[in-house]
Protein backbone atom coordinates (compact mmCIF):
# COMPACT_ATOMS: atom_id res chain seq x y z
CA MET A 1 120.65 192.25 132.60
CA LEU A 2 124.34 193.35 132.50
CA SER A 3 125.30 196.72 131.07
CA THR A 4 127.56 196.80 128.12
CA SER A 5 130.71 197.58 130.14
CA GLU A 6 129.94 194.89 132.70
CA ARG A 7 129.31 192.43 129.89
CA LEU A 8 132.63 193.30 128.21
CA LEU A 9 134.42 192.58 131.47
CA ARG A 10 132.64 189.32 131.82
CA VAL A 11 133.54 188.32 128.19
CA LEU A 12 137.19 189.12 128.93
CA THR A 13 137.13 186.90 131.98
CA LEU A 14 135.72 184.06 130.00
CA LEU A 15 138.27 184.46 127.17
CA GLU A 16 141.12 184.49 129.65
CA SER A 17 139.92 181.27 131.42
CA ARG A 18 139.94 179.11 128.42
CA ARG A 19 141.59 179.11 124.96
CA ASP A 20 138.58 178.73 122.64
CA TRP A 21 134.98 179.70 122.94
CA SER A 22 132.22 179.35 120.37
CA GLY A 23 129.81 182.31 119.91
CA ALA A 24 126.97 180.15 121.03
CA GLU A 25 128.72 179.17 124.26
CA LEU A 26 129.46 182.81 125.10
CA ALA A 27 125.87 183.93 124.20
CA GLN A 28 124.47 181.13 126.48
CA ARG A 29 126.80 182.12 129.41
CA LEU A 30 125.81 185.74 129.16
CA GLU A 31 122.20 185.28 128.13
CA VAL A 32 122.47 187.40 124.98
CA SER A 33 122.34 186.75 121.26
CA THR A 34 125.24 185.66 119.09
CA ARG A 35 124.92 189.04 117.28
CA THR A 36 125.57 190.85 120.57
CA ILE A 37 128.60 188.65 121.08
CA ARG A 38 129.86 189.65 117.64
CA ASN A 39 129.41 193.34 118.51
CA ASP A 40 131.17 192.86 121.86
CA MET A 41 134.17 191.30 120.06
CA ALA A 42 134.33 194.31 117.78
CA ARG A 43 134.32 196.60 120.83
CA LEU A 44 137.14 194.64 122.44
CA ARG A 45 139.28 194.86 119.25
CA ALA A 46 138.67 198.65 119.26
CA LEU A 47 139.99 198.78 122.87
CA GLY A 48 143.17 196.97 121.74
CA TYR A 49 142.44 193.41 122.75
CA PRO A 50 143.65 190.89 120.15
CA VAL A 51 140.49 188.89 119.80
CA GLU A 52 140.76 186.26 116.99
CA ALA A 53 137.70 184.70 115.27
CA ALA A 54 137.38 181.62 113.21
CA PRO A 55 134.41 181.46 110.78
CA GLY A 56 132.09 178.55 110.17
CA VAL A 57 130.06 176.17 112.28
CA ALA A 58 133.08 175.00 114.22
CA GLY A 59 134.47 178.53 114.54
CA GLY A 60 134.79 180.61 117.58
CA TYR A 61 136.80 183.25 119.54
CA ARG A 62 140.10 183.25 121.29
CA LEU A 63 142.25 185.91 122.94
CA GLY A 64 145.43 186.01 120.82
CA ALA A 65 148.88 187.41 121.38
CA GLY A 66 149.14 191.04 120.65
CA ALA A 67 152.06 193.52 120.68
CA ALA A 68 151.53 194.12 124.39
CA LEU A 69 149.98 192.14 127.23
CA PRO A 70 146.39 193.17 127.61
CA PRO A 71 145.02 193.87 131.10
CA LEU A 72 144.12 190.64 132.99
CA LEU A 73 140.97 190.29 135.02
CA LEU A 74 141.55 188.28 138.15
CA GLU A 75 139.03 187.13 140.75
CA ASP A 76 139.97 187.88 144.35
CA ASP A 77 141.22 184.37 145.10
CA GLU A 78 143.13 184.28 141.77
CA ALA A 79 144.91 187.58 142.54
CA VAL A 80 145.93 186.30 146.10
CA ALA A 81 147.14 183.03 144.62
CA VAL A 82 149.28 184.81 141.93
CA ALA A 83 150.80 187.18 144.51
CA VAL A 84 151.68 184.38 146.97
CA ALA A 85 153.09 182.31 144.13
CA LEU A 86 155.35 185.21 142.97
CA ARG A 87 156.67 185.76 146.50
CA SER A 88 157.42 182.06 146.85
CA SER A 89 158.89 181.46 143.36
CA THR A 90 162.53 181.75 144.44
CA GLY A 91 162.68 178.06 145.60
CA GLY A 92 160.66 176.30 142.87
CA GLY A 93 163.38 174.98 140.68
CA VAL A 94 162.95 177.52 137.87
CA ALA A 95 166.14 179.28 136.75
CA ALA A 96 166.61 183.06 136.73
CA ILE A 97 163.07 183.88 137.76
CA GLU A 98 163.70 185.67 141.02
CA GLU A 99 164.18 189.15 139.61
CA THR A 100 161.33 188.78 137.08
CA SER A 101 159.03 187.69 139.87
CA VAL A 102 159.87 190.71 142.00
CA ARG A 103 159.07 193.04 139.17
CA ALA A 104 155.76 191.32 138.45
CA LEU A 105 154.92 191.33 142.20
CA VAL A 106 155.45 195.10 142.50
CA LYS A 107 153.08 195.71 139.59
CA LEU A 108 150.44 193.33 141.07
CA GLU A 109 150.63 194.66 144.62
CA GLN A 110 150.39 198.23 143.47
CA VAL A 111 146.85 197.58 142.22
CA LEU A 112 145.71 195.12 144.89
CA PRO A 113 142.87 196.34 147.04
CA ALA A 114 143.77 196.79 150.71
CA ARG A 115 141.64 193.79 151.75
CA LEU A 116 143.62 191.46 149.42
CA ARG A 117 146.95 192.92 150.25
CA ARG A 118 146.30 192.02 153.93
CA ARG A 119 145.53 188.46 152.93
CA VAL A 120 148.70 188.20 150.92
CA ASN A 121 150.84 189.67 153.72
CA ALA A 122 149.23 187.35 156.27
CA LEU A 123 149.87 184.27 154.15
CA GLN A 124 153.54 185.31 153.63
CA ALA A 125 154.21 186.33 157.32
CA TYR A 126 152.99 183.00 158.66
CA THR A 127 154.45 180.68 156.00
CA VAL A 128 158.06 179.50 156.14
CA PRO A 129 159.40 178.61 152.62
CA VAL A 130 162.05 175.91 152.29
CA VAL A 131 164.50 176.77 149.52
CA THR A 132 165.19 173.56 147.54
CA SER A 133 168.31 172.49 145.89
CA GLY A 134 168.11 170.66 142.61
CA PRO A 135 168.51 171.14 138.85
CA LYS A 136 167.07 174.42 137.51
CA VAL A 137 164.97 174.66 134.43
CA GLU A 138 164.31 177.68 132.28
CA PRO A 139 160.80 179.22 132.60
CA GLN A 140 160.54 179.43 128.78
CA LEU A 141 160.91 175.64 128.67
CA LEU A 142 158.19 175.02 131.25
CA SER A 143 155.90 177.48 129.38
CA ALA A 144 156.52 175.76 125.95
CA ILE A 145 155.76 172.39 127.43
CA ALA A 146 152.67 173.55 129.24
CA SER A 147 151.44 175.20 125.98
CA ALA A 148 151.86 171.88 124.13
CA CYS A 149 149.98 170.08 126.90
CA ARG A 150 147.13 172.54 126.60
CA ASP A 151 146.94 172.57 122.78
CA PHE A 152 147.46 168.82 122.34
CA GLU A 153 150.59 169.27 120.19
CA VAL A 154 153.18 166.57 119.70
CA LEU A 155 156.63 167.48 121.22
CA ARG A 156 159.84 166.50 119.51
CA MET A 157 162.77 166.53 121.89
CA ASP A 158 166.35 165.34 122.52
CA TYR A 159 166.50 163.51 125.83
CA ARG A 160 169.45 162.46 127.95
CA LYS A 161 168.83 159.32 129.94
CA HIS A 162 170.11 158.41 133.38
CA ASP A 163 173.18 156.68 131.93
CA GLY A 164 174.13 159.76 129.80
CA THR A 165 173.02 158.37 126.51
CA GLU A 166 171.14 160.72 124.12
CA THR A 167 167.85 159.76 122.38
CA THR A 168 165.36 161.57 120.12
CA ARG A 169 161.68 161.31 121.20
CA SER A 170 158.36 162.18 119.82
CA VAL A 171 155.81 162.38 122.59
CA GLU A 172 152.22 163.48 123.32
CA PRO A 173 152.57 165.64 126.48
CA TYR A 174 149.90 165.27 129.20
CA ARG A 175 151.05 166.94 132.48
CA MET A 176 154.07 168.37 134.28
CA VAL A 177 154.62 167.46 137.89
CA HIS A 178 157.09 169.11 140.37
CA HIS A 179 158.36 166.39 142.69
CA GLY A 180 161.44 165.99 144.81
CA ASN A 181 163.08 169.29 143.76
CA ARG A 182 162.67 168.30 140.12
CA TRP A 183 160.21 168.84 137.17
CA TYR A 184 158.81 165.79 135.39
CA LEU A 185 156.85 165.52 132.12
CA VAL A 186 154.24 162.72 131.84
CA ALA A 187 153.78 161.95 128.16
CA TRP A 188 152.80 159.16 125.68
CA ASP A 189 155.94 158.03 123.86
CA ARG A 190 154.90 157.52 120.29
CA ASP A 191 157.89 155.32 119.32
CA ARG A 192 157.70 153.06 122.37
CA ARG A 193 153.83 153.04 122.43
CA ALA A 194 153.77 153.59 126.18
CA TRP A 195 153.47 156.25 128.88
CA ARG A 196 156.79 157.60 130.16
CA THR A 197 158.07 160.04 132.69
CA PHE A 198 160.82 162.39 131.60
CA ARG A 199 162.96 164.67 133.73
CA VAL A 200 162.53 168.21 132.20
CA ASP A 201 166.05 169.25 133.09
CA ARG A 202 167.28 166.46 130.76
CA LEU A 203 165.32 167.41 127.66
CA GLN A 204 165.82 169.84 124.90
CA LEU A 205 162.85 170.73 122.62
CA ARG A 206 163.09 170.68 118.88
CA THR A 207 161.09 173.21 116.94
CA PRO A 208 158.55 173.42 115.53
CA ASN A 209 156.16 171.17 117.42
CA GLY A 210 154.58 168.25 115.72
CA PRO A 211 150.93 167.90 114.63
CA HIS A 212 147.88 167.92 116.94
CA PHE A 213 146.86 164.65 118.66
CA THR A 214 143.74 163.21 120.12
CA PRO A 215 144.09 163.07 123.92
CA ARG A 216 144.39 159.57 125.44
CA GLU A 217 143.18 158.17 128.70
CA PRO A 218 145.75 159.29 131.39
CA PRO A 219 148.05 156.62 132.82
CA ALA A 220 146.53 157.05 136.29
CA ALA A 221 143.76 159.01 138.07
CA ASP A 222 146.46 160.56 140.37
CA VAL A 223 149.28 161.74 138.08
CA GLY A 224 151.32 162.93 141.04
CA GLU A 225 151.32 159.42 142.48
CA TYR A 226 152.09 157.96 139.08
CA VAL A 227 155.27 160.12 138.87
CA ARG A 228 156.22 159.20 142.43
CA GLN A 229 155.93 155.48 141.53
CA SER A 230 157.92 156.08 138.24
CA VAL A 231 160.76 157.86 140.05
CA ARG A 232 161.02 155.05 142.69
CA SER A 233 161.16 152.42 139.88
CA ALA A 234 163.68 154.27 137.73
CA PRO A 235 167.11 152.68 137.17
CA SER A 236 169.76 153.88 139.61
CA ALA A 237 173.50 154.21 139.25
CA TYR A 238 174.19 152.08 142.38
CA ARG A 239 172.32 149.07 143.85
CA ALA A 240 173.33 147.87 147.28
CA LEU A 241 173.01 144.53 148.98
CA VAL A 242 173.43 144.85 152.75
CA THR A 243 173.06 142.30 155.58
CA VAL A 244 171.59 144.03 158.63
CA HIS A 245 171.73 142.45 162.07
CA ALA A 246 168.14 143.39 163.18
CA PRO A 247 164.69 141.93 162.59
CA ALA A 248 163.16 142.69 159.18
CA ALA A 249 160.03 144.15 160.77
CA VAL A 250 162.12 146.73 162.64
CA ILE A 251 164.20 147.78 159.59
CA ILE A 252 161.11 148.10 157.34
CA GLU A 253 159.97 150.93 159.62
CA ARG A 254 163.33 152.69 159.19
CA VAL A 255 163.83 152.66 155.41
CA PRO A 256 162.02 154.68 152.64
CA GLN A 257 159.06 153.23 151.00
CA GLY A 258 160.04 151.04 148.10
CA VAL A 259 163.23 149.67 149.62
CA VAL A 260 163.06 145.81 149.72
CA VAL A 261 163.78 144.12 153.03
CA GLU A 262 164.14 140.29 153.14
CA PRO A 263 164.10 138.49 156.42
CA VAL A 264 166.86 135.88 156.93
CA ASP A 265 166.08 134.82 160.48
CA ASP A 266 164.54 136.34 163.58
CA ASN A 267 167.45 138.77 164.02
CA THR A 268 168.89 139.26 160.59
CA CYS A 269 167.67 140.63 157.25
CA VAL A 270 168.91 141.64 153.79
CA VAL A 271 168.22 145.11 152.49
CA HIS A 272 168.13 145.88 148.76
CA ALA A 273 168.64 149.61 148.20
CA SER A 274 169.45 151.78 145.20
CA SER A 275 170.48 155.40 144.69
CA ASN A 276 172.29 157.65 142.07
CA THR A 277 174.95 158.55 144.74
CA LEU A 278 177.06 156.53 147.10
CA GLU A 279 176.71 159.24 149.68
CA MET A 280 172.92 158.79 149.84
CA LEU A 281 173.35 155.05 150.26
CA ALA A 282 175.78 155.49 153.08
CA LEU A 283 173.48 157.98 154.72
CA TYR A 284 170.54 155.47 154.61
CA LEU A 285 172.71 152.76 156.21
CA GLY A 286 173.82 155.07 159.00
CA MET A 287 170.16 155.81 159.80
CA LEU A 288 169.28 152.07 160.14
CA ASP A 289 170.65 152.26 163.81
CA ALA A 290 171.90 148.69 163.53
CA ASP A 291 175.06 146.75 162.73
CA PHE A 292 175.32 145.85 159.03
CA ILE A 293 177.72 144.35 156.44
CA VAL A 294 177.85 145.70 152.91
CA THR A 295 178.01 142.89 150.32
CA GLU A 296 177.96 145.00 147.17
CA PRO A 297 178.83 147.17 145.38
CA PRO A 298 182.60 147.46 146.01
CA GLU A 299 182.41 151.21 145.68
CA LEU A 300 180.00 151.40 148.63
CA VAL A 301 182.21 149.25 150.70
CA ALA A 302 185.15 151.69 150.08
CA ARG A 303 182.89 154.66 150.82
CA VAL A 304 181.57 153.26 154.16
CA SER A 305 185.15 152.37 155.19
CA LYS A 306 186.30 155.93 154.45
CA LEU A 307 183.39 157.38 156.42
CA ALA A 308 184.16 155.01 159.32
CA GLU A 309 187.70 156.27 159.47
CA ARG A 310 186.53 159.93 159.39
CA TYR A 311 183.99 159.35 162.28
CA MET A 312 186.73 157.56 164.32
CA ARG A 313 189.03 160.59 163.90
CA ALA A 314 186.14 162.87 164.96
CA THR A 315 185.79 161.05 168.29
CA ARG A 316 189.46 161.28 169.28
């Protein structure tokens, strides 16, 4: 049987791993009585931990927010994961987090056992980070959305669509996904009665949050793949129609997944591509390694013509 101090540490670990616990659940996990659990909660409060209790059959315990952050109990793998994440946080698309990450990392590494510090140093020494470029989001915004996902709270927000128009949405948040240098929110849109994917850098939350909701079945088993499909099918600012003088089977291997390639004959095909920038479309066409003719849009014709002149000057 665990000693009182060992049991208190175990109770803290459980309270930090999940938001709400019933007394019966904790008693079963620790193989003690619910009365012992009540006494342990009183001891934790005396030590300064903000343990909240709800009475009744459906009541339970949670670790609330206090005036200061209480000590966290991390397993070895959790401590290593946090340290590596802090060291790598400069390229994750979160604004103004670098200095804060350094301060937190100094505090964490100061108390890391030598065996864990060696693991963290090895991971960092033999890992090459790629600093990404893309829209930055505030960490407070990510934290607020994540809390709403966890607590099943409706989010009310102002959202700017790809064409610049502003809308007001009421959504049931499910998960956030970091994909392609951007953060996305997967949520059930209450007004449109459908699952939607929102770019986090385009939304602004309204406070307070809405009421609690009953979780729905997610839109897909793999939410990451769901976001990738949503991003590929999202409307783009420019859509190109290009005739390429090469077999369709060859061009299909050279274009990103999702680009439509229609065969015309054995040596010609038509490529339907889209992007939010003309530069990206021109880059894709140059990577086809085949002769092509741009049919539309006119802006892309002008851009390719300008690039052709620039390349000609570069070869003189």
